[in-house]
Amino acid sequence: MDGRRCCESACYDHAQQRSLYRHALNALLLASRSGCDSAMARELAERCAEILRDADEGDRQPVVMR
């Protein structure tokens, strides 16, 4: 981290949020490979990947706070 600190409950919430995004990303990637409306699944997978990168970098607020 860059010197910022968070309380234990906030860290848990962030970890849980990243885990949900990763599960969603994996499911969407699987759907896109199997041909299940692959354009939409690919777009959603790209969005999930973007959200994950941003969450890992700390650039965005959690989705529940938007």
Protein backbone atom coordinates (compact mmCIF):
# COMPACT_ATOMS: atom_id res chain seq x y z
CA MET A 1 0.00 0.00 0.00
CA ASP A 2 1.01 3.60 -0.30
CA GLY A 3 0.98 4.43 3.39
CA ARG A 4 -2.79 4.50 3.73
CA ARG A 5 -4.22 2.34 6.46
CA CYS A 6 -7.65 0.90 6.80
CA CYS A 7 -9.45 -0.72 9.64
CA GLU A 8 -9.84 -4.48 9.74
CA SER A 9 -13.51 -4.42 8.74
CA ALA A 10 -12.80 -2.21 5.72
CA CYS A 11 -9.96 -4.51 4.62
CA TYR A 12 -12.32 -7.47 4.94
CA ASP A 13 -14.96 -5.66 2.86
CA HIS A 14 -12.40 -4.82 0.16
CA ALA A 15 -11.14 -8.41 0.04
CA GLN A 16 -14.69 -9.71 -0.17
CA GLN A 17 -15.51 -7.26 -2.97
CA ARG A 18 -12.41 -8.27 -4.97
CA SER A 19 -13.30 -11.92 -4.49
CA LEU A 20 -16.79 -11.34 -5.87
CA TYR A 21 -15.38 -9.50 -8.90
CA ARG A 22 -12.93 -12.34 -9.53
CA HIS A 23 -15.72 -14.93 -9.39
CA ALA A 24 -17.84 -12.82 -11.74
CA LEU A 25 -14.92 -12.36 -14.11
CA ASN A 26 -14.21 -16.10 -14.20
CA ALA A 27 -17.87 -16.92 -14.85
CA LEU A 28 -18.11 -14.34 -17.62
CA LEU A 29 -14.90 -15.54 -19.26
CA LEU A 30 -16.22 -19.09 -19.20
CA ALA A 31 -19.52 -17.94 -20.71
CA SER A 32 -17.75 -16.01 -23.46
CA ARG A 33 -15.65 -19.06 -24.36
CA SER A 34 -18.71 -21.29 -24.53
CA GLY A 35 -20.53 -18.93 -26.89
CA CYS A 36 -23.23 -17.78 -24.45
CA ASP A 37 -23.87 -14.34 -25.93
CA SER A 38 -20.12 -13.97 -26.11
CA ALA A 39 -20.04 -10.28 -27.06
CA MET A 40 -22.00 -9.28 -23.96
CA ALA A 41 -20.09 -11.70 -21.72
CA ARG A 42 -16.77 -10.40 -23.06
CA GLU A 43 -17.82 -6.80 -22.44
CA LEU A 44 -18.88 -7.61 -18.87
CA ALA A 45 -15.66 -9.57 -18.29
CA GLU A 46 -13.62 -6.59 -19.47
CA ARG A 47 -15.57 -4.33 -17.10
CA CYS A 48 -15.01 -6.72 -14.18
CA ALA A 49 -11.30 -6.86 -14.99
CA GLU A 50 -11.18 -3.05 -15.04
CA ILE A 51 -12.96 -2.84 -11.69
CA LEU A 52 -10.55 -5.40 -10.22
CA ARG A 53 -7.51 -3.45 -11.43
CA ASP A 54 -8.94 -0.23 -10.02
CA ALA A 55 -9.82 -1.88 -6.70
CA ASP A 56 -6.32 -3.33 -6.41
CA GLU A 57 -4.83 0.10 -7.13
CA GLY A 58 -7.23 1.79 -4.71
CA ASP A 59 -8.39 4.27 -7.35
CA ARG A 60 -12.11 3.77 -6.91
CA GLN A 61 -14.59 3.61 -4.11
CA PRO A 62 -16.32 0.31 -3.50
CA VAL A 63 -19.31 -0.16 -5.77
CA VAL A 64 -21.70 -0.12 -2.81
CA MET A 65 -20.57 3.44 -2.05
CA ARG A 66 -21.25 4.79 -5.58
